[in-house]
Protein backbone atom coordinates (compact mmCIF):
# COMPACT_ATOMS: atom_id res chain seq x y z
CA MET A 1 0.80 -51.24 62.43
CA ALA A 2 -0.73 -48.64 60.00
CA LEU A 3 -1.82 -44.74 59.84
CA ILE A 4 -4.92 -44.54 57.22
CA VAL A 5 -5.37 -41.27 56.18
CA SER A 6 -8.98 -39.68 55.81
CA ALA A 7 -10.94 -39.55 52.95
CA ASN A 8 -9.07 -36.52 51.54
CA VAL A 9 -5.32 -38.36 51.61
CA ALA A 10 -5.73 -42.08 52.03
CA ASP A 11 -7.90 -42.37 49.28
CA ALA A 12 -6.41 -40.13 46.49
CA ARG A 13 -4.38 -42.57 45.33
CA PRO A 14 -2.64 -41.84 42.90
CA PHE A 15 -1.22 -38.78 45.48
CA ARG A 16 0.24 -35.34 44.72
CA GLY A 17 -0.02 -32.66 46.66
CA GLN A 18 0.18 -31.13 50.37
CA ILE A 19 -0.65 -33.54 53.28
CA GLY A 20 -2.18 -32.08 56.38
CA LEU A 21 -0.58 -33.39 59.61
CA SER A 22 -1.24 -32.68 63.18
CA ALA A 23 1.67 -33.89 65.47
CA ILE A 24 0.05 -33.09 69.32
CA LEU A 25 2.55 -33.41 72.08
CA CYS A 26 1.57 -34.82 75.25
CA THR A 27 2.31 -35.58 78.77
CA PHE A 28 0.70 -37.03 81.70
CA SER A 29 -0.05 -35.31 85.25
CA ASP A 30 2.98 -36.80 86.48
CA SER A 31 5.22 -36.85 83.50
CA PRO A 32 9.14 -35.78 84.12
CA GLN A 33 9.80 -33.40 82.15
CA PRO A 34 10.69 -34.38 78.52
CA PRO A 35 13.49 -34.89 76.99
CA TYR A 36 13.20 -32.47 74.01
CA ASP A 37 11.17 -29.18 73.38
CA VAL A 38 8.31 -29.19 70.61
CA ASN A 39 11.31 -27.21 68.29
CA PHE A 40 12.98 -30.60 68.27
CA TYR A 41 9.94 -32.04 66.87
CA ARG A 42 9.28 -29.26 64.17
CA ARG A 43 13.05 -29.64 63.14
CA MET A 44 12.70 -33.40 62.89
CA ILE A 45 9.08 -33.13 61.22
CA LEU A 46 9.00 -29.90 59.03
CA GLY A 47 12.98 -28.97 58.29
CA ARG A 48 13.79 -28.72 55.71
CA GLY A 49 17.91 -29.87 54.35
CA ASN A 50 18.51 -31.48 57.70
CA GLY A 51 17.19 -35.05 57.43
CA SER A 52 13.51 -34.34 58.34
CA PHE A 53 10.74 -36.35 57.76
CA ALA A 54 9.56 -33.75 55.33
CA ASP A 55 12.90 -34.10 53.61
CA TYR A 56 12.67 -37.73 53.27
CA TRP A 57 8.92 -37.59 51.55
CA ARG A 58 9.82 -34.73 48.94
CA ALA A 59 13.06 -36.67 48.36
CA VAL A 60 10.95 -40.63 47.64
CA SER A 61 8.29 -39.16 46.04
CA TYR A 62 10.59 -36.83 43.45
CA ASN A 63 8.95 -33.41 45.26
CA GLY A 64 5.40 -35.18 44.78
CA VAL A 65 4.36 -34.68 49.00
CA ASP A 66 4.62 -31.46 50.41
CA PHE A 67 3.87 -30.73 54.32
CA ALA A 68 3.86 -27.38 53.98
CA ASN A 69 0.51 -27.80 56.22
CA ALA A 70 1.68 -29.45 58.99
CA VAL A 71 1.50 -28.43 62.57
CA VAL A 72 3.83 -29.43 65.27
CA THR A 73 2.03 -28.70 68.75
CA GLY A 74 2.38 -28.90 72.71
CA TRP A 75 3.71 -30.07 75.11
CA HIS A 76 -0.21 -30.51 76.27
CA GLN A 77 -0.63 -32.50 79.76
CA GLU A 78 -3.26 -34.52 79.89
CA SER A 79 -5.10 -35.51 83.38
CA LEU A 80 -4.23 -39.35 83.15
CA THR A 81 -1.06 -40.80 84.96
CA LEU A 82 1.44 -42.48 83.22
CA ALA A 83 0.26 -45.51 84.98
CA GLN A 84 -3.34 -44.97 83.69
CA ALA A 85 -2.11 -44.50 80.40
CA GLN A 86 0.05 -47.59 80.38
CA ALA A 87 -3.03 -49.03 81.49
CA LYS A 88 -5.09 -48.70 78.37
CA ALA A 89 -1.93 -50.10 76.30
CA GLY A 90 -1.92 -53.06 77.85
CA GLY A 91 -4.04 -56.09 78.88
CA PRO A 92 -5.71 -58.68 77.21
CA ASN A 93 -8.56 -55.41 75.42
CA PRO A 94 -5.54 -52.77 75.41
CA LYS A 95 -7.61 -48.95 74.65
CA ARG A 96 -5.52 -47.38 72.18
CA GLY A 97 -8.04 -45.59 69.94
CA GLU A 98 -8.23 -43.90 73.78
CA LEU A 99 -4.67 -42.70 73.83
CA VAL A 100 -4.96 -40.52 71.02
CA THR A 101 -8.47 -39.63 71.79
CA ASP A 102 -6.60 -38.23 75.17
CA CYS A 103 -4.08 -36.17 73.79
CA VAL A 104 -6.34 -34.59 71.06
CA ALA A 105 -8.73 -33.73 73.88
CA ALA A 106 -5.64 -32.70 75.89
CA ALA A 107 -4.51 -30.47 73.38
CA ARG A 108 -7.94 -28.84 72.45
CA ASN A 109 -8.99 -28.32 76.28
CA ASP A 110 -5.58 -26.62 76.65
CA PRO A 111 -5.64 -23.31 79.17
CA VAL A 112 -2.88 -21.76 77.96
CA SER A 113 -2.06 -22.61 73.97
CA PRO A 114 -5.54 -25.02 72.59
CA TYR A 115 -5.46 -26.49 69.26
CA THR A 116 -8.41 -28.42 67.70
CA VAL A 117 -7.55 -30.21 64.79
CA PRO A 118 -8.10 -29.49 61.46
CA GLN A 119 -11.00 -30.95 59.19
CA GLY A 120 -9.33 -34.27 57.41
CA HIS A 121 -5.52 -33.75 59.12
CA LEU A 122 -3.58 -36.76 60.15
CA ILE A 123 -2.78 -37.29 63.45
CA ALA A 124 -0.10 -38.20 65.21
CA ALA A 125 -0.46 -38.26 68.93
CA ILE A 126 3.69 -38.42 70.89
CA THR A 127 3.71 -39.11 74.15
CA SER A 128 6.09 -38.24 76.87
CA PRO A 129 7.48 -40.76 78.31
CA GLY A 130 5.91 -42.89 75.64
CA VAL A 131 3.99 -46.00 76.51
CA ASP A 132 3.33 -47.56 73.42
CA LEU A 133 3.37 -47.16 69.08
CA TYR A 134 0.83 -48.22 66.66
CA GLY A 135 -1.16 -46.61 63.74
CA GLY A 136 -5.14 -46.40 62.96
CA VAL A 137 -7.38 -45.22 61.36
CA GLY A 138 -6.32 -41.28 60.44
CA ARG A 139 -3.93 -41.55 63.76
CA ALA A 140 -1.15 -43.46 65.17
CA PHE A 141 0.36 -43.34 68.28
CA PHE A 142 4.33 -42.59 69.21
CA PRO A 143 6.56 -42.73 71.58
CA ASP A 144 9.07 -39.60 72.08
CA ASN A 145 11.79 -41.55 71.16
CA VAL A 146 10.36 -42.09 67.95
CA ASP A 147 12.55 -41.72 64.62
CA ILE A 148 12.42 -40.84 61.07
CA GLY A 149 12.17 -44.15 60.09
CA GLY A 150 9.21 -45.21 62.10
CA LEU A 151 7.45 -41.63 61.03
CA GLY A 152 8.00 -42.73 57.40
CA HIS A 153 6.89 -46.03 57.76
CA GLU A 154 3.28 -45.50 59.17
CA ASN A 155 2.57 -41.88 57.02
CA GLY A 156 3.51 -44.44 53.96
CA HIS A 157 0.51 -46.78 55.49
CA GLY A 158 -1.26 -43.31 55.57
CA LEU A 159 -0.83 -42.93 51.59
CA GLY A 160 -2.06 -46.32 50.69
CA LEU A 161 1.05 -48.40 51.09
CA HIS A 162 1.30 -52.17 52.66
CA HIS A 163 3.82 -54.07 54.48
CA SER A 164 6.96 -55.46 51.99
CA PHE A 165 7.49 -59.03 51.63
CA SER A 166 9.81 -61.18 50.13
CA ASP A 167 9.69 -65.04 48.86
CA ALA A 168 10.99 -66.78 51.76
CA ALA A 169 8.67 -69.47 52.95
CA THR A 170 8.62 -68.49 56.17
CA ASN A 171 8.34 -64.90 58.16
CA ALA A 172 8.37 -62.86 54.81
CA GLU A 173 6.78 -60.11 56.24
CA TYR A 174 9.05 -57.10 56.74
CA ASP A 175 11.25 -58.94 54.88
CA ASP A 176 12.48 -56.10 51.65
CA PRO A 177 15.57 -54.50 54.06
CA TRP A 178 15.91 -52.27 51.00
CA ASP A 179 12.47 -50.85 51.80
CA VAL A 180 11.14 -48.43 54.63
CA MET A 181 7.10 -50.61 54.78
CA SER A 182 9.81 -53.30 56.51
CA TYR A 183 10.65 -51.02 59.19
CA ALA A 184 12.38 -51.71 61.57
CA ASN A 185 13.47 -54.45 59.69
CA VAL A 186 15.33 -52.63 57.28
CA PHE A 187 19.14 -51.30 56.10
CA ALA A 188 18.47 -47.35 57.78
CA ARG A 189 20.90 -44.62 57.74
CA PRO A 190 21.14 -42.70 60.90
CA ASN A 191 21.09 -39.24 61.39
CA PRO A 192 22.93 -37.60 64.45
CA GLU A 193 19.61 -35.58 65.71
CA PHE A 194 16.32 -37.55 65.20
CA GLY A 195 17.35 -41.63 65.16
CA ASN A 196 17.64 -43.61 62.13
CA GLY A 197 15.32 -43.00 58.77
CA GLY A 198 15.23 -44.34 55.47
CA PRO A 199 15.87 -46.35 53.47
CA GLY A 200 14.13 -45.68 50.88
CA LEU A 201 11.06 -46.96 48.94
CA ASN A 202 10.97 -49.87 46.29
CA GLY A 203 9.78 -49.83 42.95
CA TYR A 204 6.64 -51.22 43.23
CA HIS A 205 5.77 -48.86 45.71
CA VAL A 206 6.50 -45.48 44.36
CA ASP A 207 5.17 -47.06 41.15
CA ARG A 208 1.76 -47.19 43.15
CA MET A 209 1.69 -43.66 44.45
CA GLY A 210 1.81 -42.60 40.90
CA TRP A 211 5.67 -40.54 41.76
CA PHE A 212 7.35 -42.38 38.73
CA PRO A 213 6.89 -40.05 34.97
CA ARG A 214 5.68 -42.22 32.27
CA HIS A 215 8.72 -41.99 30.31
CA ARG A 216 10.62 -43.85 33.03
CA ILE A 217 8.50 -46.35 33.59
CA ARG A 218 9.06 -49.85 31.18
CA THR A 219 6.75 -52.24 30.57
CA PHE A 220 8.95 -55.12 29.40
CA SER A 221 7.88 -56.86 25.85
CA ALA A 222 4.82 -54.21 25.54
CA ASP A 223 7.23 -53.00 22.48
CA GLY A 224 6.64 -57.28 20.94
CA ILE A 225 10.49 -57.02 21.56
CA SER A 226 11.53 -60.47 23.52
CA ARG A 227 15.45 -60.13 24.50
CA ALA A 228 17.10 -56.66 25.27
CA THR A 229 20.53 -54.58 27.55
CA LEU A 230 18.27 -52.40 29.96
CA THR A 231 20.09 -49.92 31.44
CA LEU A 232 18.76 -48.78 34.55
CA ALA A 233 18.62 -45.58 36.64
CA ALA A 234 18.79 -45.29 40.54
CA LEU A 235 15.69 -44.88 42.24
CA ASN A 236 17.34 -41.56 44.00
CA HIS A 237 19.27 -40.60 40.54
CA PRO A 238 16.83 -39.54 38.30
CA GLU A 239 19.24 -36.91 37.03
CA VAL A 240 20.64 -39.82 35.22
CA PRO A 241 19.24 -41.69 32.37
CA GLY A 242 17.63 -45.24 32.04
CA ASP A 243 14.57 -46.75 33.15
CA LEU A 244 13.82 -46.27 36.66
CA HIS A 245 11.48 -49.18 36.92
CA VAL A 246 10.77 -51.98 34.74
CA ARG A 247 7.88 -54.61 35.06
CA VAL A 248 8.41 -57.91 33.29
CA PRO A 249 4.62 -59.27 32.97
CA PHE A 250 4.60 -63.06 33.17
CA ASP A 251 1.31 -64.42 33.66
CA PRO A 252 -1.62 -63.95 30.78
CA ALA A 253 -4.66 -64.91 33.02
CA ASP A 254 -3.38 -61.67 35.86
CA PRO A 255 -2.06 -58.56 33.71
CA PHE A 256 -1.05 -57.18 37.26
CA HIS A 257 1.72 -60.01 38.21
CA TYR A 258 4.91 -59.37 36.97
CA PHE A 259 8.38 -58.90 38.11
CA THR A 260 9.94 -55.73 38.78
CA ILE A 261 13.31 -54.44 38.58
CA GLU A 262 15.48 -51.24 40.18
CA PHE A 263 18.78 -49.99 41.19
CA ARG A 264 19.47 -48.94 44.21
CA LYS A 265 22.52 -46.39 45.25
CA ARG A 266 23.83 -46.61 48.32
CA ASP A 267 23.87 -42.40 48.92
CA GLY A 268 21.28 -40.68 50.51
CA TRP A 269 18.75 -41.60 52.01
CA ASP A 270 19.96 -45.78 51.09
CA SER A 271 23.44 -44.65 52.37
CA GLY A 272 22.19 -46.92 54.89
CA ILE A 273 22.48 -50.06 52.49
CA PRO A 274 25.16 -52.91 52.43
CA ALA A 275 26.27 -51.28 48.68
CA ASP A 276 24.79 -51.01 45.31
CA ILE A 277 22.40 -53.38 44.66
CA VAL A 278 19.97 -54.70 41.48
CA LEU A 279 16.61 -55.67 43.05
CA ILE A 280 14.48 -58.12 41.54
CA HIS A 281 10.48 -57.87 42.68
CA GLU A 282 7.51 -59.94 42.29
CA VAL A 283 4.08 -58.25 42.55
CA LYS A 284 1.60 -60.85 43.17
CA ARG A 285 -1.91 -60.69 44.67
CA HIS A 286 -1.95 -61.92 48.57
CA SER A 287 -4.41 -64.27 50.07
CA ASP A 288 -6.40 -61.65 51.29
CA GLY A 289 -7.03 -59.99 47.70
CA ARG A 290 -4.11 -57.47 47.87
CA TYR A 291 -1.59 -56.69 45.80
CA LEU A 292 1.78 -56.68 47.29
CA SER A 293 6.10 -56.82 46.59
CA PHE A 294 8.16 -59.54 47.09
CA LEU A 295 12.22 -59.23 47.38
CA LEU A 296 13.26 -61.85 45.57
CA ARG A 297 16.03 -63.55 47.69
CA GLU A 298 18.47 -66.39 47.85
CA ARG A 299 17.38 -69.47 50.35
CA SER A 300 20.29 -69.97 52.13
CA GLY A 301 23.08 -68.38 53.56
CA ASN A 302 22.67 -64.57 53.57
CA ARG A 303 19.68 -64.67 51.41
CA ALA A 304 20.83 -62.33 49.21
CA PRO A 305 18.40 -60.68 46.92
CA VAL A 306 18.92 -62.86 43.47
CA GLN A 307 21.24 -61.78 40.45
CA SER A 308 19.67 -64.41 38.01
CA LEU A 309 16.31 -65.84 37.56
CA ASN A 310 14.63 -67.89 35.24
CA ARG A 311 10.90 -68.89 35.80
CA ASP A 312 7.64 -68.65 33.68
CA GLY A 313 9.74 -68.18 30.49
CA VAL A 314 11.30 -65.11 32.07
CA VAL A 315 15.31 -64.96 32.32
CA ILE A 316 16.91 -61.78 34.19
CA GLN A 317 20.27 -61.57 34.75
CA VAL A 318 22.04 -58.40 36.24
CA ASN A 319 25.45 -57.88 34.18
CA PRO A 320 28.97 -56.84 35.87
CA ARG A 321 29.24 -53.53 36.36
CA SER A 322 31.56 -51.91 33.68
CA ALA A 323 33.16 -48.82 32.43
CA ALA A 324 30.24 -48.43 29.60
CA ILE A 325 27.84 -46.82 32.14
CA GLY A 326 27.93 -44.35 34.48
CA PRO A 327 28.26 -44.42 38.80
CA ASN A 328 24.91 -44.06 39.22
CA GLN A 329 23.89 -46.64 36.70
CA ALA A 330 22.92 -50.53 36.30
CA GLN A 331 22.80 -52.89 33.52
CA VAL A 332 20.22 -56.01 33.32
CA THR A 333 19.52 -58.40 30.13
CA VAL A 334 16.19 -59.60 29.91
CA GLN A 335 14.57 -61.96 27.76
CA SER A 336 10.94 -62.90 27.24
CA GLU A 337 8.56 -65.60 25.58
CA TYR A 338 5.70 -63.16 26.26
CA ALA A 339 5.45 -60.88 23.28
CA SER A 340 4.18 -64.02 21.51
CA ARG A 341 2.44 -64.97 24.33
CA CYS A 342 -2.09 -64.97 23.42
CA LEU A 343 -4.41 -62.35 25.09
CA ILE A 344 -6.95 -63.53 27.57
CA GLY A 345 -9.73 -65.97 25.60
CA TYR A 346 -7.23 -67.52 22.88
CA VAL A 347 -4.44 -69.70 22.59
CA TRP A 348 -1.96 -70.97 19.83
CA ARG A 349 -3.53 -72.47 17.11
CA GLU A 350 -0.74 -75.41 16.41
CA ALA A 351 -1.01 -76.04 12.46
CA PHE A 352 2.41 -76.96 13.03
CA SER A 353 5.08 -76.60 14.62
CA GLY A 354 5.87 -73.04 15.71
CA ASP A 355 2.51 -72.40 14.94
CA LYS A 356 1.91 -69.53 16.81
CA VAL A 357 -1.07 -67.75 15.55
CA CYS A 358 -3.54 -67.07 18.24
CA VAL A 359 -6.65 -68.08 17.94
CA ALA A 360 -10.00 -68.98 20.07
CA VAL A 361 -9.94 -72.54 21.53
CA ALA A 362 -11.90 -74.36 19.33
CA THR A 363 -10.06 -73.27 16.30
CA ARG A 364 -7.03 -74.87 18.28
CA ALA A 365 -9.39 -77.88 18.81
CA GLN A 366 -10.13 -77.66 14.92
CA ALA A 367 -6.84 -77.57 13.47
CA ARG A 368 -5.76 -81.01 15.54
CA THR A 369 -8.29 -82.82 14.36
CA ASP A 370 -7.90 -81.71 10.69
CA ASN A 371 -4.21 -82.71 10.83
CA ALA A 372 -5.47 -86.36 12.42
CA ALA A 373 -8.05 -86.22 9.45
CA ALA A 374 -5.24 -85.23 6.38
CA ALA A 375 -4.77 -88.68 4.93
CA SER A 376 -7.85 -89.22 4.16
CA ARG A 377 -8.88 -86.23 2.85
CA ARG A 378 -6.86 -87.04 -0.19
CA ASN A 379 -7.23 -87.60 -3.46
CA PRO A 380 -5.63 -90.80 -3.64
CA GLY A 381 -5.25 -91.02 -7.66
CA GLY A 382 -3.25 -87.57 -6.83
CA GLY A 383 -3.59 -84.45 -9.25
CA PRO A 384 -2.64 -81.44 -11.05
CA TYR A 385 -0.85 -80.23 -7.62
CA GLY A 386 0.60 -83.74 -6.82
CA PRO A 387 -0.60 -86.51 -4.83
CA ASP A 388 -1.63 -84.47 -1.91
CA THR A 389 -4.72 -83.23 -4.11
CA CYS A 390 -7.90 -82.52 -1.45
CA ARG A 391 -10.90 -85.35 -2.64
CA GLN A 392 -14.12 -82.70 -3.39
CA GLY A 393 -15.21 -80.86 -0.65
CA TYR A 394 -11.59 -80.07 0.55
CA VAL A 395 -9.17 -77.49 0.34
CA TRP A 396 -6.03 -77.01 1.62
CA ARG A 397 -5.56 -75.16 4.71
CA GLU A 398 -3.11 -72.59 4.28
CA VAL A 399 -2.05 -71.46 7.34
CA ILE A 400 1.18 -70.63 5.72
CA PRO A 401 1.81 -70.86 1.83
CA SER A 402 2.62 -74.58 2.52
CA ASP A 403 0.26 -76.25 4.48
CA HIS A 404 -1.84 -78.37 2.77
CA VAL A 405 -3.48 -79.73 5.04
CA CYS A 406 -7.15 -80.95 3.65
CA VAL A 407 -10.25 -78.58 5.25
CA THR A 408 -13.48 -76.82 4.23
CA PRO A 409 -13.47 -74.18 2.61
CA ALA A 410 -15.06 -72.19 5.85
CA VAL A 411 -11.50 -73.46 7.98
CA ARG A 412 -9.92 -72.15 5.38
CA THR A 413 -11.66 -69.17 5.34
CA GLN A 414 -11.16 -68.88 9.11
CA ALA A 415 -7.47 -69.91 8.96
CA GLN A 416 -6.94 -66.77 7.06
CA GLN A 417 -9.44 -63.95 9.09
CA ASP A 418 -7.18 -65.91 12.26
CA ASN A 419 -3.56 -64.75 10.80
CA SER A 420 -4.99 -61.13 9.36
CA GLN A 421 -5.76 -61.18 13.42
CA ALA A 422 -2.94 -62.53 15.00
CA THR A 423 -1.19 -58.91 15.80
CA ASN A 424 -4.57 -57.71 17.53
CA ARG A 425 -4.46 -60.97 19.91
CA ARG A 426 -1.01 -61.39 20.47
CA ASN A 427 1.35 -59.44 23.47
CA PRO A 428 -0.65 -59.23 26.56
CA ALA A 429 1.95 -57.33 27.47
CA ARG A 430 0.46 -54.43 25.54
CA PHE A 431 -2.28 -53.99 28.32
CA VAL A 432 0.23 -54.18 31.60
CA TYR A 433 0.11 -50.93 33.07
CA GLY A 434 0.73 -51.29 36.14
CA PRO A 435 -0.97 -50.25 39.51
CA ASN A 436 -2.93 -47.11 38.46
CA THR A 437 -4.79 -48.92 35.75
CA CYS A 438 -7.57 -47.10 34.82
CA LYS A 439 -11.65 -48.94 34.97
CA GLN A 440 -13.14 -49.53 32.28
CA GLY A 441 -14.21 -46.21 30.83
CA TYR A 442 -11.72 -43.89 32.02
CA VAL A 443 -8.19 -43.49 30.98
CA TRP A 444 -4.50 -41.27 32.27
CA ARG A 445 -5.73 -37.72 31.73
CA GLU A 446 -1.79 -37.18 31.45
CA ALA A 447 -1.79 -33.36 32.11
CA ASP A 448 1.37 -33.97 32.54
CA ALA A 449 4.16 -37.11 32.75
CA SER A 450 3.57 -38.27 35.83
CA ASP A 451 -0.15 -37.48 35.83
CA TRP A 452 -2.01 -40.67 36.28
CA VAL A 453 -5.37 -39.48 37.08
CA CYS A 454 -7.78 -41.34 35.42
CA VAL A 455 -10.66 -39.35 33.99
CA THR A 456 -13.01 -39.72 30.36
CA SER A 457 -12.20 -39.52 27.26
CA GLN A 458 -12.98 -36.46 26.77
CA ILE A 459 -11.63 -34.75 29.65
CA ARG A 460 -8.15 -36.07 28.33
CA THR A 461 -9.04 -34.37 24.93
CA GLN A 462 -9.93 -31.38 26.74
CA THR A 463 -6.49 -31.39 28.77
CA ARG A 464 -4.19 -32.12 25.67
CA GLN A 465 -6.26 -29.19 24.03
CA ASP A 466 -5.60 -27.09 27.11
CA ASN A 467 -1.57 -28.06 27.54
CA ALA A 468 -2.04 -26.90 23.35
CA ALA A 469 -2.88 -23.46 24.43
CA ALA A 470 -1.44 -22.69 27.62
CA ALA A 471 1.07 -19.92 26.11
CA SER A 472 -1.95 -17.93 24.29
CA ARG A 473 -3.98 -17.90 27.26
CA ARG A 474 -1.34 -16.76 29.66
CA ASN A 475 -0.88 -12.67 30.21
CA PRO A 476 2.28 -11.30 28.03
CA GLY A 477 2.67 -8.33 30.29
CA GLY A 478 2.56 -10.34 33.56
CA GLY A 479 0.83 -9.71 37.10
CA PRO A 480 1.14 -10.06 40.61
CA TYR A 481 2.14 -14.21 40.37
CA GLY A 482 4.45 -13.49 37.79
CA PRO A 483 4.97 -14.47 34.11
CA ASP A 484 2.37 -16.77 33.87
CA THR A 485 -0.65 -14.96 34.83
CA CYS A 486 -3.52 -15.75 32.92
CA ARG A 487 -5.97 -13.31 30.81
CA GLN A 488 -8.81 -12.76 32.14
CA GLY A 489 -11.34 -15.51 32.05
CA TYR A 490 -8.74 -18.46 32.77
CA VAL A 491 -7.15 -19.14 36.01
CA TRP A 492 -4.55 -21.86 36.72
CA ARG A 493 -6.05 -25.75 36.14
CA GLU A 494 -3.95 -26.91 39.42
CA ALA A 495 -4.46 -30.77 38.71
CA PHE A 496 -1.25 -30.61 40.53
CA PRO A 497 1.12 -28.74 42.49
CA GLY A 498 2.42 -25.95 40.28
CA ASP A 499 0.06 -26.86 37.15
CA HIS A 500 -0.13 -23.39 36.33
CA VAL A 501 -1.55 -24.23 32.71
CA CYS A 502 -4.28 -21.65 31.86
CA VAL A 503 -8.08 -23.11 31.74
CA THR A 504 -11.84 -21.64 32.12
CA VAL A 505 -12.77 -21.89 35.61
CA ALA A 506 -15.21 -25.07 34.67
CA ALA A 507 -11.66 -26.87 33.62
CA ARG A 508 -10.04 -26.09 37.16
CA THR A 509 -13.27 -27.73 38.74
CA GLN A 510 -13.30 -30.38 36.71
CA ALA A 511 -10.18 -31.13 37.66
CA ALA A 512 -10.46 -31.10 41.40
CA THR A 513 -13.21 -33.35 40.46
CA ASP A 514 -11.12 -36.02 39.37
CA ASN A 515 -8.52 -35.95 41.22
CA ARG A 516 -10.93 -36.27 44.16
CA GLU A 517 -12.51 -39.26 42.24
CA ALA A 518 -9.15 -41.00 41.04
CA PRO A 519 -9.13 -43.77 43.48
CA ASN A 520 -12.63 -44.73 42.72
CA ARG A 521 -11.68 -45.46 39.07
CA LEU A 522 -8.83 -47.68 39.73
CA MET A 523 -9.00 -50.78 38.77
CA ILE A 524 -7.03 -52.71 42.08
CA PRO A 525 -7.25 -51.11 45.76
């Protein structure tokens, strides 16, 4: 099931802001009295602090998503009978799209309370009695007993999220019970009024939406460290210190292929999970070209999530809980050889055991050839430098001071150049930027810690300058909009909700344009 939002929402990843939603309640011409009135669905979708659909998305997005513009309207009566609607939903060629269209038309043509869906709104059609549950492009169709989890799953698709998987050999789809994108095969929490809801999203899905602050994501080995014990903060407890999301790259051929580590605490929207737990996922390209998350699970018994991993040069070990950390934290020890791996196009030179200087493939082949010919290039009579003096025309290679393999002067010069470039050619983890990696020519705007919108380098520079000048552009006397009212000639930038940095009108227009173009500037869809 997939609810794909229209261009101003579904295509806008990374996404922060208001989502337009029209939830339309429809009955059929012979429907009995619906079990709930329209106010029930308004509480369910729009309520605050009552475990509503809006509460869920505010929580998992760290307040990045707002449904303030959502509308719940109904009940609108269709001209169809229940049997006619069931016929459209069933049979070998169901007409599911018409079911939504029929409900939208009933609302528009309602003689008492007509309602027309605004441009760009998602459509959630809910019928009583229910005849189907499905998602389509910009629209979804639900029964009158839909719960928070069902609504949440479909909205996840609307924001550009895919189903979650496990690494099981078969039936891997919908097999990450700690992620709502595996709904309904999840550890949900009951709500006495609205049915099951939750759990939260897995770390990769939060990362994909751009809801993690940059400083709460760790890409292991990017700093050159090969072994460390890391403290994790639970995804639903960002108020405590620690990494919210850890990427552990291991595939130099694909910077989007890596392991992830996250900690899930059994409370809030995750209160339905069996216990606090650290989860390890693998993010990799699916056969259809999309990058998906795969929960790593034991292959036997209760198929619990793995708590240790030794694969592809990476060792991950979940540590026992201790008094050294708080109740909303966990620790893992990670070890990886990735920091010594070469960037694409380079290989270890291997002129001697342990030589991990990264060079061109042809240079490594030359080193092997030179090593094989070393004895024939030595001066049999010796010389002032001992028995390994080189014949005329050769010199010591000196990739390290003790390297007395005889090579041509050009090869020695190449070795010196390769040594000087070693740091620049090593550690692909430095270039693993996650799902919001920008296409060449663009960089993150970084208007705040969670701003992953891709812009030109000039715009990022301008953004930094505007941030630095923000205080000087505010009206010291305040105004109708509070103490951050801008001086004459400046307006709020509004690059994201609550962005009240004062900029020129042109800069605000540019921010809106960049937001709109952001999905087109990403490396992966």
